Amino acid sequence: MEITVNGDILHFDTPANIPQLITRLELSNVKIAIELNKQILPRSEYAQKSLQEGDILEIVQAIGGG
């Protein structure tokens, strides 16, 4: 399966979901927001959301400051 994340193509040999993607990108302990196919994905949907061939994701990290 091939998806695009922040403009980069990623390959998965088996079906994947959002938690697996977050782990693969080493973002498990980071505050993030995910856009999936031009729609903001609520954090409450991360656990059950499966990725599909050709999905396009944008992931941004929250950065504190003042």
N, C-alpha and C. Protein backbone atom coordinates (compact mmCIF):
# COMPACT_ATOMS: atom_id res chain seq x y z
N MET A 1 0.85 -1.16 0.00
CA MET A 1 0.00 0.00 0.00
C MET A 1 0.90 1.23 0.00
N GLU A 2 0.48 2.24 -0.74
CA GLU A 2 1.25 3.48 -0.84
C GLU A 2 0.38 4.66 -0.42
N ILE A 3 0.91 5.48 0.49
CA ILE A 3 0.23 6.70 0.93
C ILE A 3 1.24 7.85 0.86
N THR A 4 0.72 9.06 0.91
CA THR A 4 1.58 10.24 0.91
C THR A 4 1.42 10.96 2.24
N VAL A 5 2.55 11.22 2.90
CA VAL A 5 2.55 11.91 4.19
C VAL A 5 3.47 13.13 4.08
N ASN A 6 2.89 14.30 4.22
CA ASN A 6 3.65 15.55 4.12
C ASN A 6 4.48 15.60 2.84
N GLY A 7 3.91 15.10 1.75
CA GLY A 7 4.56 15.15 0.46
C GLY A 7 5.50 14.00 0.16
N ASP A 8 5.75 13.14 1.14
CA ASP A 8 6.63 11.98 0.95
C ASP A 8 5.80 10.71 0.81
N ILE A 9 6.21 9.84 -0.10
CA ILE A 9 5.50 8.58 -0.30
C ILE A 9 6.02 7.55 0.70
N LEU A 10 5.08 6.89 1.38
CA LEU A 10 5.42 5.80 2.30
C LEU A 10 4.77 4.52 1.79
N HIS A 11 5.47 3.41 1.99
CA HIS A 11 4.97 2.10 1.57
C HIS A 11 4.71 1.24 2.80
N PHE A 12 3.60 0.53 2.78
CA PHE A 12 3.27 -0.45 3.81
C PHE A 12 3.04 -1.78 3.11
N ASP A 13 3.62 -2.85 3.65
CA ASP A 13 3.44 -4.18 3.06
C ASP A 13 2.08 -4.77 3.40
N THR A 14 1.50 -4.31 4.50
CA THR A 14 0.20 -4.81 4.93
C THR A 14 -0.71 -3.62 5.22
N PRO A 15 -2.01 -3.84 5.33
CA PRO A 15 -2.90 -2.73 5.67
C PRO A 15 -2.44 -2.06 6.97
N ALA A 16 -2.65 -0.76 7.04
CA ALA A 16 -2.19 0.00 8.21
C ALA A 16 -3.28 0.95 8.68
N ASN A 17 -3.10 1.43 9.90
CA ASN A 17 -4.04 2.40 10.46
C ASN A 17 -3.26 3.60 11.00
N ILE A 18 -3.98 4.57 11.51
CA ILE A 18 -3.35 5.80 12.00
C ILE A 18 -2.38 5.52 13.16
N PRO A 19 -2.76 4.72 14.16
CA PRO A 19 -1.79 4.45 15.24
C PRO A 19 -0.49 3.82 14.73
N GLN A 20 -0.57 2.93 13.76
CA GLN A 20 0.64 2.32 13.20
C GLN A 20 1.49 3.37 12.49
N LEU A 21 0.83 4.27 11.77
CA LEU A 21 1.56 5.34 11.09
C LEU A 21 2.26 6.24 12.10
N ILE A 22 1.56 6.63 13.16
CA ILE A 22 2.14 7.48 14.19
C ILE A 22 3.36 6.81 14.81
N THR A 23 3.28 5.52 15.07
CA THR A 23 4.41 4.79 15.62
C THR A 23 5.56 4.75 14.63
N ARG A 24 5.27 4.46 13.39
CA ARG A 24 6.31 4.39 12.35
C ARG A 24 7.05 5.73 12.21
N LEU A 25 6.32 6.82 12.34
CA LEU A 25 6.92 8.15 12.21
C LEU A 25 7.52 8.66 13.52
N GLU A 26 7.47 7.82 14.57
CA GLU A 26 8.00 8.15 15.89
C GLU A 26 7.37 9.42 16.45
N LEU A 27 6.04 9.50 16.33
CA LEU A 27 5.30 10.66 16.81
C LEU A 27 4.38 10.32 17.98
N SER A 28 4.60 9.17 18.61
CA SER A 28 3.70 8.71 19.67
C SER A 28 3.62 9.65 20.86
N ASN A 29 4.70 10.33 21.18
CA ASN A 29 4.71 11.19 22.36
C ASN A 29 4.69 12.67 22.00
N VAL A 30 4.17 12.98 20.82
CA VAL A 30 4.17 14.35 20.31
C VAL A 30 2.73 14.78 20.06
N LYS A 31 2.42 16.03 20.39
CA LYS A 31 1.09 16.58 20.07
C LYS A 31 1.04 16.86 18.57
N ILE A 32 0.09 16.24 17.88
CA ILE A 32 -0.01 16.40 16.43
C ILE A 32 -1.46 16.63 16.02
N ALA A 33 -1.61 17.12 14.81
CA ALA A 33 -2.91 17.21 14.14
C ALA A 33 -2.73 16.53 12.79
N ILE A 34 -3.77 15.81 12.36
CA ILE A 34 -3.69 15.07 11.10
C ILE A 34 -4.82 15.50 10.18
N GLU A 35 -4.44 15.79 8.95
CA GLU A 35 -5.40 16.03 7.87
C GLU A 35 -5.33 14.82 6.95
N LEU A 36 -6.46 14.19 6.70
CA LEU A 36 -6.55 13.02 5.84
C LEU A 36 -7.42 13.36 4.65
N ASN A 37 -6.82 13.36 3.48
CA ASN A 37 -7.54 13.68 2.25
C ASN A 37 -8.32 14.99 2.37
N LYS A 38 -7.63 16.01 2.87
CA LYS A 38 -8.13 17.39 2.98
C LYS A 38 -9.22 17.57 4.03
N GLN A 39 -9.34 16.61 4.95
CA GLN A 39 -10.30 16.71 6.06
C GLN A 39 -9.54 16.52 7.37
N ILE A 40 -9.76 17.43 8.33
CA ILE A 40 -9.13 17.27 9.64
C ILE A 40 -9.70 16.01 10.29
N LEU A 41 -8.80 15.18 10.79
CA LEU A 41 -9.20 13.93 11.44
C LEU A 41 -9.23 14.16 12.95
N PRO A 42 -10.42 14.06 13.57
CA PRO A 42 -10.49 14.24 15.02
C PRO A 42 -9.65 13.19 15.75
N ARG A 43 -8.98 13.60 16.80
CA ARG A 43 -8.14 12.68 17.57
C ARG A 43 -8.95 11.47 18.04
N SER A 44 -10.22 11.66 18.31
CA SER A 44 -11.07 10.56 18.78
C SER A 44 -11.25 9.47 17.73
N GLU A 45 -10.92 9.76 16.47
CA GLU A 45 -11.06 8.78 15.39
C GLU A 45 -9.74 8.11 15.02
N TYR A 46 -8.64 8.54 15.62
CA TYR A 46 -7.33 7.98 15.25
C TYR A 46 -7.30 6.45 15.39
N ALA A 47 -7.77 5.94 16.52
CA ALA A 47 -7.63 4.51 16.83
C ALA A 47 -8.32 3.60 15.83
N GLN A 48 -9.45 4.02 15.30
CA GLN A 48 -10.20 3.13 14.41
C GLN A 48 -10.03 3.45 12.93
N LYS A 49 -9.25 4.48 12.59
CA LYS A 49 -9.14 4.90 11.18
C LYS A 49 -8.10 4.07 10.43
N SER A 50 -8.56 3.33 9.43
CA SER A 50 -7.67 2.56 8.56
C SER A 50 -7.22 3.42 7.39
N LEU A 51 -6.00 3.20 6.97
CA LEU A 51 -5.47 3.91 5.81
C LEU A 51 -5.79 3.13 4.54
N GLN A 52 -5.98 3.86 3.45
CA GLN A 52 -6.32 3.25 2.16
C GLN A 52 -5.26 3.62 1.13
N GLU A 53 -5.09 2.78 0.14
CA GLU A 53 -4.18 3.05 -0.97
C GLU A 53 -4.45 4.44 -1.53
N GLY A 54 -3.39 5.24 -1.66
CA GLY A 54 -3.53 6.57 -2.24
C GLY A 54 -3.92 7.68 -1.29
N ASP A 55 -4.13 7.36 0.00
CA ASP A 55 -4.47 8.41 0.96
C ASP A 55 -3.37 9.47 0.99
N ILE A 56 -3.79 10.71 1.23
CA ILE A 56 -2.86 11.83 1.36
C ILE A 56 -3.05 12.44 2.74
N LEU A 57 -1.98 12.45 3.51
CA LEU A 57 -2.03 12.98 4.87
C LEU A 57 -1.06 14.13 5.04
N GLU A 58 -1.47 15.08 5.85
CA GLU A 58 -0.59 16.15 6.31
C GLU A 58 -0.60 16.05 7.82
N ILE A 59 0.58 15.99 8.41
CA ILE A 59 0.71 15.90 9.86
C ILE A 59 1.53 17.08 10.34
N VAL A 60 0.97 17.81 11.30
CA VAL A 60 1.69 18.95 11.87
C VAL A 60 1.85 18.73 13.37
N GLN A 61 2.97 19.22 13.89
CA GLN A 61 3.26 19.12 15.31
C GLN A 61 2.99 20.45 15.99
N ALA A 62 2.41 20.36 17.18
CA ALA A 62 2.21 21.56 17.98
C ALA A 62 3.54 21.96 18.60
N ILE A 63 3.85 23.25 18.52
CA ILE A 63 5.09 23.76 19.08
C ILE A 63 4.74 24.88 20.05
N GLY A 64 5.19 24.73 21.29
CA GLY A 64 4.91 25.74 22.30
C GLY A 64 5.81 26.95 22.14
N GLY A 65 5.35 28.03 22.64
CA GLY A 65 6.14 29.26 22.58
C GLY A 65 5.32 30.41 23.11
N GLY A 66 5.92 31.55 23.10
CA GLY A 66 5.16 32.65 23.65
C GLY A 66 5.53 33.97 23.11
